[in-house]
Amino acid sequence: MKITRLVILNILLLSILNSYAQDGSPSPYSFFGLGDVSFKGTTENLSMGGINSYVDSLHYNINTPAALSYLKLVNLNIGISNNFLNISDQTQQQWFSAHNVSYFSLAFPVGKKAGIGFGLLPVNSSGYMIYKETDIGTDSYKGDGGNSRAFLAAAYNLTKSFSLGAEYQYYFGYLNRENYWIPAASLNYTKENDFVDFSGATLKLSALYKHSLPKQHYFNLFANYRFATQLDATYRSGTRVITPLPGGEETVEYITNADESGSIDFPEQFDGGIGYGQANKWFVGVQYTYKDLQSFRNPFYDPDYVTYNKANEFKFGGMFIPQYNSITKYWKRVTYRAGAYYKNTGMNIYDEDITDFGITFGVGLPAVRGVSNLNIGFELGQRGKITDHLVQENYINLNIGISLNDRWFLKRKIN
């Protein structure tokens, strides 16, 4: 048991270190807002279309804090994402990829009615490179950075069916944007650099109602609400005129454009849904998510061709286990998951709403012995459209989650 805990803690430490070495999203849409959305749920949730209504006693549903009160074992959850993106415009298409630690968390029950969880995950990421060539020169845009969240959550069962939860969320990150202008008729080129770092905190409230029915059937109702907040930010902007040299480059002139402080308005978010199922057998659920992106404001990056509106998401999914307690047939104990989603992202670029839709599927592979499992999920989707100013993205995401479960804090019995 001590060896198992030591291995778990080492994996946890490695996950923390790796979370600071992420590949940024190569999507051009990661230029906007605070970057492309990195965390949309655990592998188990994502494989079911991203729904958050499914609850069991083994997995920590990070997106629904109230579900912590149903946890019966200590749970260490680690996720890895592998994203493959095909970007198409009116003349060409190109493949990109990014590989990241997508989340980690540690949660444990407290008595029979409560649970606590904490962790760290990347919320947004940016890592695009855009080139525009004309007769008079080349314009290139490059960005990196993102937004991470550290969180501490707790939940308590007020009754056998009703649970309340809350989560303290601390956001921190940076965005670095570079613009190179290389004239065709000059050796010198111009580099503009914008850098903003930010941090701030908010609170998420959660409620979950789980009602039991005959023949082990049940239905769930859940709702989550995250308060709007302001992220404290510092912004620096400068322009360099650069002469390329055989051994590198030389800055001819540097101009400071800005060095100031301010705040970024981080919007509120609500999600709620319902699900119905049979214990250890099957489950289906639907979910609606609303984000008041219209109130998002980043005073340091505010292009006039972009507007932010109210964002809406619709998700549907479920899971099926042929026979969870089968002794002779391993594949009957496997959890099979599938789902779909449609999202109006809330971004309007050059008078075009950016939408995102996809299908998901995956499996949960139980350990040969014990209650831990390996979760594998796939997403196939499409975002945006091809116009004079926009691109279309077709993506394939491979998500891998490791859920390790154990019993801690048990009193030793002496025979």
Protein backbone atom coordinates (compact mmCIF):
# COMPACT_ATOMS: atom_id res chain seq x y z
CA MET A 1 0.00 0.00 0.00
CA LYS A 2 2.80 2.43 0.83
CA ILE A 3 4.47 1.65 -2.52
CA THR A 4 1.21 2.34 -4.35
CA ARG A 5 0.83 5.70 -2.65
CA LEU A 6 4.42 6.64 -3.40
CA VAL A 7 3.93 5.83 -7.09
CA ILE A 8 0.77 7.91 -7.13
CA LEU A 9 2.45 10.90 -5.53
CA ASN A 10 5.36 10.70 -7.98
CA ILE A 11 2.97 10.60 -10.92
CA LEU A 12 1.20 13.60 -9.42
CA LEU A 13 4.47 15.53 -9.17
CA LEU A 14 5.44 14.69 -12.74
CA SER A 15 2.04 15.84 -13.93
CA ILE A 16 2.49 19.21 -12.21
CA LEU A 17 5.86 19.72 -13.85
CA ASN A 18 4.65 18.65 -17.28
CA SER A 19 1.64 20.92 -17.12
CA TYR A 20 3.96 23.90 -17.52
CA ALA A 21 5.44 22.54 -20.78
CA GLN A 22 2.37 22.44 -23.01
CA ASP A 23 2.11 22.60 -26.78
CA GLY A 24 0.01 25.64 -27.61
CA SER A 25 -3.05 25.27 -29.82
CA PRO A 26 -2.01 25.70 -33.49
CA SER A 27 -5.49 26.95 -34.40
CA PRO A 28 -5.67 30.50 -35.83
CA TYR A 29 -8.77 30.94 -33.65
CA SER A 30 -6.51 30.72 -30.60
CA PHE A 31 -5.53 34.32 -31.44
CA PHE A 32 -8.83 35.50 -29.97
CA GLY A 33 -9.96 35.79 -26.36
CA LEU A 34 -7.53 34.11 -23.96
CA GLY A 35 -6.70 31.34 -26.43
CA ASP A 36 -8.33 28.13 -27.60
CA VAL A 37 -10.26 26.06 -25.04
CA SER A 38 -7.96 23.32 -23.71
CA PHE A 39 -10.01 21.66 -20.96
CA LYS A 40 -13.54 20.55 -21.80
CA GLY A 41 -13.83 17.72 -19.30
CA THR A 42 -12.23 14.47 -18.24
CA THR A 43 -11.75 11.71 -20.80
CA GLU A 44 -14.82 9.94 -19.44
CA ASN A 45 -16.98 13.05 -19.92
CA LEU A 46 -15.54 13.92 -23.33
CA SER A 47 -16.25 10.42 -24.66
CA MET A 48 -19.94 11.03 -23.87
CA GLY A 49 -20.19 14.30 -25.80
CA GLY A 50 -18.86 16.30 -22.86
CA ILE A 51 -21.89 15.83 -20.57
CA ASN A 52 -21.33 16.40 -16.84
CA SER A 53 -24.42 14.66 -15.47
CA TYR A 54 -22.94 11.17 -15.07
CA VAL A 55 -21.88 10.38 -11.50
CA ASP A 56 -20.40 7.28 -9.92
CA SER A 57 -18.39 6.40 -6.82
CA LEU A 58 -15.03 5.86 -8.58
CA HIS A 59 -14.43 8.89 -10.83
CA TYR A 60 -13.99 12.57 -9.97
CA ASN A 61 -16.23 14.60 -12.28
CA ILE A 62 -14.12 17.78 -12.30
CA ASN A 63 -16.79 19.89 -14.02
CA THR A 64 -19.45 19.13 -11.38
CA PRO A 65 -18.07 19.73 -7.86
CA ALA A 66 -21.25 18.48 -6.17
CA ALA A 67 -20.47 14.98 -7.47
CA LEU A 68 -17.56 14.77 -4.99
CA SER A 69 -19.91 13.73 -2.21
CA TYR A 70 -20.62 10.42 -3.99
CA LEU A 71 -16.95 9.43 -4.15
CA LYS A 72 -16.13 6.29 -2.14
CA LEU A 73 -12.42 5.85 -2.91
CA VAL A 74 -9.39 8.10 -3.22
CA ASN A 75 -9.10 8.99 -6.90
CA LEU A 76 -6.09 10.27 -8.82
CA ASN A 77 -7.05 11.41 -12.30
CA ILE A 78 -4.55 12.26 -15.06
CA GLY A 79 -5.43 13.17 -18.64
CA ILE A 80 -3.35 13.50 -21.80
CA SER A 81 -4.64 14.99 -25.06
CA ASN A 82 -3.30 14.43 -28.55
CA ASN A 83 -4.84 16.87 -31.03
CA PHE A 84 -4.58 16.59 -34.83
CA LEU A 85 -5.87 19.57 -36.79
CA ASN A 86 -6.42 20.08 -40.53
CA ILE A 87 -6.72 23.78 -41.41
CA SER A 88 -8.16 24.71 -44.82
CA ASP A 89 -8.53 28.06 -46.57
CA GLN A 90 -9.46 28.93 -50.16
CA THR A 91 -6.15 27.77 -51.61
CA GLN A 92 -4.57 25.12 -49.39
CA GLN A 93 -4.80 22.89 -46.36
CA GLN A 94 -2.27 21.80 -43.77
CA TRP A 95 -2.05 19.38 -40.83
CA PHE A 96 -0.89 20.39 -37.34
CA SER A 97 -0.63 18.54 -34.03
CA ALA A 98 -0.33 19.31 -30.33
CA HIS A 99 0.23 17.03 -27.34
CA ASN A 100 -0.52 18.10 -23.78
CA VAL A 101 -1.17 17.02 -20.22
CA SER A 102 -4.82 18.07 -20.15
CA TYR A 103 -5.61 17.74 -16.42
CA PHE A 104 -4.73 16.14 -13.14
CA SER A 105 -6.68 15.95 -9.92
CA LEU A 106 -6.71 14.22 -6.57
CA ALA A 107 -9.98 13.64 -4.72
CA PHE A 108 -10.98 11.69 -1.65
CA PRO A 109 -14.10 11.05 0.44
CA VAL A 110 -14.52 12.63 3.86
CA GLY A 111 -16.74 10.40 5.92
CA LYS A 112 -19.83 9.06 4.19
CA LYS A 113 -21.40 12.33 3.07
CA ALA A 114 -18.61 14.62 1.87
CA GLY A 115 -15.67 14.81 -0.51
CA ILE A 116 -12.74 17.08 -1.33
CA GLY A 117 -10.80 17.47 -4.55
CA PHE A 118 -8.06 19.66 -5.97
CA GLY A 119 -5.93 19.87 -9.06
CA LEU A 120 -4.42 21.85 -11.90
CA LEU A 121 -5.33 22.05 -15.58
CA PRO A 122 -4.80 24.25 -18.65
CA VAL A 123 -7.97 26.19 -19.52
CA ASN A 124 -6.88 27.92 -22.74
CA SER A 125 -3.82 27.72 -24.96
CA SER A 126 -2.38 29.59 -27.91
CA GLY A 127 0.35 28.53 -30.33
CA TYR A 128 -0.57 29.73 -33.82
CA MET A 129 1.65 30.84 -36.73
CA ILE A 130 0.03 32.75 -39.62
CA TYR A 131 1.78 33.99 -42.77
CA LYS A 132 0.56 36.44 -45.40
CA GLU A 133 2.69 37.02 -48.50
CA THR A 134 2.10 39.92 -50.91
CA ASP A 135 4.10 41.66 -53.64
CA ILE A 136 5.40 44.25 -51.18
CA GLY A 137 6.42 41.90 -48.39
CA THR A 138 5.51 39.23 -45.84
CA ASP A 139 3.37 39.63 -42.75
CA SER A 140 3.64 36.88 -40.13
CA TYR A 141 1.84 36.43 -36.81
CA LYS A 142 2.98 34.16 -34.01
CA GLY A 143 1.48 33.56 -30.59
CA ASP A 144 2.03 31.41 -27.55
CA GLY A 145 0.87 31.18 -23.96
CA GLY A 146 -2.40 30.34 -22.32
CA ASN A 147 -4.46 30.27 -19.17
CA SER A 148 -4.30 27.66 -16.38
CA ARG A 149 -6.51 26.96 -13.38
CA ALA A 150 -5.69 25.66 -9.94
CA PHE A 151 -8.77 24.58 -8.00
CA LEU A 152 -9.98 23.33 -4.64
CA ALA A 153 -13.47 21.83 -4.38
CA ALA A 154 -15.69 20.32 -1.71
CA ALA A 155 -19.17 18.82 -1.59
CA TYR A 156 -21.64 17.58 1.01
CA ASN A 157 -24.76 15.39 0.82
CA LEU A 158 -27.56 17.33 2.50
CA THR A 159 -29.88 14.37 1.97
CA LYS A 160 -29.52 10.94 0.42
CA SER A 161 -30.46 12.41 -2.97
CA PHE A 162 -29.32 16.04 -2.87
CA SER A 163 -25.75 17.34 -2.79
CA LEU A 164 -24.21 20.82 -2.85
CA GLY A 165 -20.66 21.69 -3.84
CA ALA A 166 -18.37 24.65 -4.33
CA GLU A 167 -15.04 25.18 -6.03
CA TYR A 168 -12.46 27.92 -5.56
CA GLN A 169 -10.77 28.63 -8.90
CA TYR A 170 -7.52 30.53 -9.35
CA TYR A 171 -6.60 31.49 -12.92
CA PHE A 172 -3.16 32.53 -14.10
CA GLY A 173 -1.33 32.76 -17.39
CA TYR A 174 0.15 34.90 -20.12
CA LEU A 175 -0.22 35.62 -23.82
CA ASN A 176 2.70 36.54 -26.04
CA ARG A 177 2.00 37.81 -29.56
CA GLU A 178 4.58 38.71 -32.20
CA ASN A 179 4.05 40.34 -35.58
CA TYR A 180 6.85 40.40 -38.17
CA TRP A 181 6.75 42.67 -41.20
CA ILE A 182 9.44 41.87 -43.79
CA PRO A 183 9.39 44.31 -46.75
CA ALA A 184 10.39 42.83 -50.10
CA ALA A 185 12.56 45.85 -51.00
CA SER A 186 14.46 46.26 -47.70
CA LEU A 187 16.95 44.30 -45.61
CA ASN A 188 15.51 45.58 -42.35
CA TYR A 189 12.31 44.13 -40.93
CA THR A 190 9.96 45.14 -38.12
CA LYS A 191 8.99 43.03 -35.10
CA GLU A 192 6.09 44.07 -32.89
CA ASN A 193 5.73 42.26 -29.57
CA ASP A 194 2.74 42.31 -27.21
CA PHE A 195 2.89 40.53 -23.87
CA VAL A 196 0.20 40.34 -21.20
CA ASP A 197 0.21 38.28 -18.00
CA PHE A 198 -2.82 37.95 -15.77
CA SER A 199 -4.25 36.25 -12.70
CA GLY A 200 -7.43 36.23 -10.65
CA ALA A 201 -9.90 34.07 -8.75
CA THR A 202 -13.57 33.21 -8.80
CA LEU A 203 -16.07 30.77 -7.27
CA LYS A 204 -18.15 27.99 -8.81
CA LEU A 205 -21.31 26.66 -7.15
CA SER A 206 -22.77 23.25 -7.91
CA ALA A 207 -25.92 21.27 -7.12
CA LEU A 208 -26.75 17.65 -7.90
CA TYR A 209 -29.96 15.70 -7.39
CA LYS A 210 -29.81 11.91 -7.82
CA HIS A 211 -33.11 10.08 -7.39
CA SER A 212 -33.32 6.29 -7.16
CA LEU A 213 -36.07 4.36 -8.93
CA PRO A 214 -37.10 0.65 -8.93
CA LYS A 215 -34.87 -1.98 -10.59
CA GLN A 216 -31.73 0.10 -9.90
CA HIS A 217 -32.86 2.83 -12.28
CA TYR A 218 -32.21 6.48 -11.42
CA PHE A 219 -32.15 9.96 -12.83
CA ASN A 220 -29.80 12.90 -12.23
CA LEU A 221 -30.33 16.64 -12.32
CA PHE A 222 -27.36 18.99 -12.02
CA ALA A 223 -26.55 22.69 -12.31
CA ASN A 224 -23.26 24.59 -12.08
CA TYR A 225 -22.70 28.33 -11.97
CA ARG A 226 -19.37 30.15 -12.17
CA PHE A 227 -19.30 33.79 -11.12
CA ALA A 228 -17.84 36.45 -13.38
CA THR A 229 -14.62 38.06 -12.19
CA GLN A 230 -11.81 40.39 -13.23
CA LEU A 231 -8.29 39.15 -13.91
CA ASP A 232 -5.55 41.57 -12.91
CA ALA A 233 -3.23 42.09 -15.87
CA THR A 234 -0.04 43.87 -16.89
CA TYR A 235 0.65 44.71 -20.52
CA ARG A 236 3.85 45.53 -22.36
CA SER A 237 4.18 46.37 -26.03
CA GLY A 238 7.21 47.32 -28.10
CA THR A 239 8.46 47.59 -31.68
CA ARG A 240 11.93 46.70 -32.95
CA VAL A 241 13.54 47.55 -36.27
CA ILE A 242 15.94 44.68 -36.95
CA THR A 243 18.79 44.13 -39.39
CA PRO A 244 19.57 40.46 -40.15
CA LEU A 245 23.25 39.51 -39.77
CA PRO A 246 25.15 36.30 -40.66
CA GLY A 247 25.50 35.41 -36.97
CA GLY A 248 22.00 36.46 -35.90
CA GLU A 249 20.29 39.83 -35.86
CA GLU A 250 20.84 43.37 -34.62
CA THR A 251 18.25 45.71 -33.20
CA VAL A 252 18.56 49.08 -34.93
CA GLU A 253 15.82 50.80 -32.97
CA TYR A 254 13.44 49.92 -30.13
CA ILE A 255 10.24 51.81 -29.37
CA THR A 256 8.13 51.18 -26.26
CA ASN A 257 4.49 51.39 -27.26
CA ALA A 258 2.89 50.60 -23.91
CA ASP A 259 3.68 49.53 -20.35
CA GLU A 260 0.51 49.54 -18.27
CA SER A 261 -1.77 47.66 -15.90
CA GLY A 262 -5.45 46.87 -16.22
CA SER A 263 -7.99 44.08 -15.94
CA ILE A 264 -9.60 41.47 -18.15
CA ASP A 265 -13.32 40.83 -17.67
CA PHE A 266 -13.84 37.08 -17.27
CA PRO A 267 -17.49 36.10 -17.95
CA GLU A 268 -19.96 34.05 -15.95
CA GLN A 269 -20.92 30.55 -17.03
CA PHE A 270 -23.86 28.23 -16.37
CA ASP A 271 -24.38 24.60 -17.30
CA GLY A 272 -27.15 22.22 -16.41
CA GLY A 273 -28.51 18.89 -17.53
CA ILE A 274 -30.43 15.73 -16.86
CA GLY A 275 -29.61 12.06 -17.16
CA TYR A 276 -31.29 8.70 -16.78
CA GLY A 277 -29.78 5.26 -16.34
CA GLN A 278 -29.48 1.91 -14.65
CA ALA A 279 -26.71 1.41 -12.09
CA ASN A 280 -23.60 -0.32 -13.48
CA LYS A 281 -25.38 -0.88 -16.81
CA TRP A 282 -26.20 2.16 -18.95
CA PHE A 283 -26.76 5.91 -18.84
CA VAL A 284 -27.89 8.69 -21.21
CA GLY A 285 -27.84 12.44 -20.60
CA VAL A 286 -28.29 15.86 -22.19
CA GLN A 287 -26.72 19.17 -21.23
CA TYR A 288 -26.95 22.88 -22.00
CA THR A 289 -24.10 25.33 -21.35
CA TYR A 290 -24.36 29.12 -21.45
CA LYS A 291 -21.45 31.53 -21.27
CA ASP A 292 -21.93 35.30 -21.22
CA LEU A 293 -19.05 35.90 -23.61
CA GLN A 294 -20.68 39.21 -24.52
CA SER A 295 -19.28 40.60 -21.26
CA PHE A 296 -15.74 39.38 -22.01
CA ARG A 297 -13.35 42.29 -22.39
CA ASN A 298 -9.62 42.31 -22.99
CA PRO A 299 -8.64 45.98 -23.40
CA PHE A 300 -5.17 45.03 -24.64
CA TYR A 301 -6.41 43.05 -27.68
CA ASP A 302 -9.61 44.42 -29.14
CA PRO A 303 -9.67 44.16 -32.96
CA ASP A 304 -12.70 45.86 -34.51
CA TYR A 305 -13.54 42.90 -36.77
CA VAL A 306 -14.29 40.65 -33.78
CA THR A 307 -17.33 40.77 -31.52
CA TYR A 308 -18.20 38.48 -28.61
CA ASN A 309 -21.78 37.32 -28.12
CA LYS A 310 -23.57 34.90 -25.83
CA ALA A 311 -22.18 31.39 -26.27
CA ASN A 312 -24.38 28.28 -26.19
CA GLU A 313 -23.55 24.57 -26.19
CA PHE A 314 -25.80 21.51 -26.56
CA LYS A 315 -24.43 18.08 -25.64
CA PHE A 316 -25.79 14.55 -25.68
CA GLY A 317 -24.15 11.28 -24.69
CA GLY A 318 -24.17 8.08 -22.75
CA MET A 319 -22.43 4.87 -21.77
CA PHE A 320 -23.06 1.11 -21.66
CA ILE A 321 -21.49 -1.78 -19.72
CA PRO A 322 -22.49 -5.28 -20.96
CA GLN A 323 -21.82 -7.01 -17.60
CA TYR A 324 -19.78 -5.10 -15.04
CA ASN A 325 -19.20 -8.14 -12.76
CA SER A 326 -18.30 -10.70 -15.42
CA ILE A 327 -15.51 -13.01 -14.26
CA THR A 328 -14.66 -14.81 -17.51
CA LYS A 329 -15.26 -12.14 -20.19
CA TYR A 330 -13.05 -9.05 -19.83
CA TRP A 331 -14.70 -7.10 -22.69
CA LYS A 332 -18.06 -7.42 -20.97
CA ARG A 333 -16.67 -5.32 -18.10
CA VAL A 334 -15.49 -2.57 -20.45
CA THR A 335 -17.43 0.72 -20.45
CA TYR A 336 -18.45 1.86 -23.95
CA ARG A 337 -19.19 5.57 -24.41
CA ALA A 338 -20.47 7.81 -27.23
CA GLY A 339 -21.94 11.29 -27.72
CA ALA A 340 -22.22 14.43 -29.81
CA TYR A 341 -22.18 18.21 -29.35
CA TYR A 342 -22.96 21.49 -31.09
CA LYS A 343 -21.47 24.80 -29.98
CA ASN A 344 -22.00 28.40 -30.93
CA THR A 345 -18.68 29.65 -29.58
CA GLY A 346 -19.89 33.23 -29.13
CA MET A 347 -17.15 34.60 -31.41
CA ASN A 348 -18.21 36.57 -34.48
CA ILE A 349 -15.35 37.30 -36.88
CA TYR A 350 -15.93 39.43 -39.97
CA ASP A 351 -19.71 39.06 -39.42
CA GLU A 352 -19.51 35.25 -39.31
CA ASP A 353 -20.51 33.24 -36.22
CA ILE A 354 -17.91 30.60 -35.36
CA THR A 355 -19.60 27.26 -34.66
CA ASP A 356 -18.14 23.94 -33.57
CA PHE A 357 -19.73 20.48 -33.76
CA GLY A 358 -18.51 16.93 -33.40
CA ILE A 359 -19.07 13.33 -32.36
CA THR A 360 -17.26 11.41 -29.63
CA PHE A 361 -16.75 7.81 -28.60
CA GLY A 362 -14.46 5.83 -26.32
CA VAL A 363 -13.92 3.00 -23.87
CA GLY A 364 -13.09 2.58 -20.21
CA LEU A 365 -10.74 -0.35 -19.69
CA PRO A 366 -10.86 -1.72 -16.13
CA ALA A 367 -7.75 -3.03 -14.41
CA VAL A 368 -7.50 -6.80 -14.42
CA ARG A 369 -7.61 -6.61 -10.63
CA GLY A 370 -8.88 -3.68 -8.66
CA VAL A 371 -11.07 -0.69 -9.50
CA SER A 372 -8.66 1.56 -11.42
CA ASN A 373 -9.07 1.97 -15.17
CA LEU A 374 -7.66 3.39 -18.39
CA ASN A 375 -10.02 5.62 -20.38
CA ILE A 376 -9.54 6.25 -24.10
CA GLY A 377 -11.68 8.68 -26.07
CA PHE A 378 -11.89 10.16 -29.57
CA GLU A 379 -13.38 13.39 -30.88
CA LEU A 380 -14.10 14.06 -34.55
CA GLY A 381 -15.24 17.60 -35.27
CA GLN A 382 -15.33 20.68 -37.42
CA ARG A 383 -15.08 24.39 -36.59
CA GLY A 384 -15.39 27.54 -38.63
CA LYS A 385 -15.90 27.90 -42.38
CA ILE A 386 -13.90 28.87 -45.45
CA THR A 387 -14.43 32.51 -46.47
CA ASP A 388 -12.23 35.38 -47.60
CA HIS A 389 -11.07 35.90 -44.00
CA LEU A 390 -11.77 32.62 -42.20
CA VAL A 391 -10.54 29.05 -42.23
CA GLN A 392 -12.22 25.71 -41.61
CA GLU A 393 -10.79 23.27 -39.11
CA ASN A 394 -11.35 19.51 -39.12
CA TYR A 395 -9.92 17.87 -36.05
CA ILE A 396 -9.28 14.48 -34.50
CA ASN A 397 -8.55 14.46 -30.78
CA LEU A 398 -7.26 11.42 -28.93
CA ASN A 399 -7.80 11.71 -25.17
CA ILE A 400 -6.26 9.32 -22.67
CA GLY A 401 -7.17 9.32 -19.00
CA ILE A 402 -5.78 7.28 -16.14
CA SER A 403 -8.04 6.90 -13.13
CA LEU A 404 -6.28 5.35 -10.12
CA ASN A 405 -8.37 4.40 -7.11
CA ASP A 406 -7.36 3.25 -3.64
CA ARG A 407 -8.52 3.16 -0.04
CA TRP A 408 -6.69 5.57 2.28
CA PHE A 409 -7.14 6.60 5.88
CA LEU A 410 -8.47 3.22 7.01
CA LYS A 411 -7.88 2.23 10.63
CA ARG A 412 -5.68 -0.85 11.00
CA LYS A 413 -7.51 -3.80 12.52
CA ILE A 414 -5.67 -6.09 14.99
CA ASN A 415 -6.85 -9.70 15.07
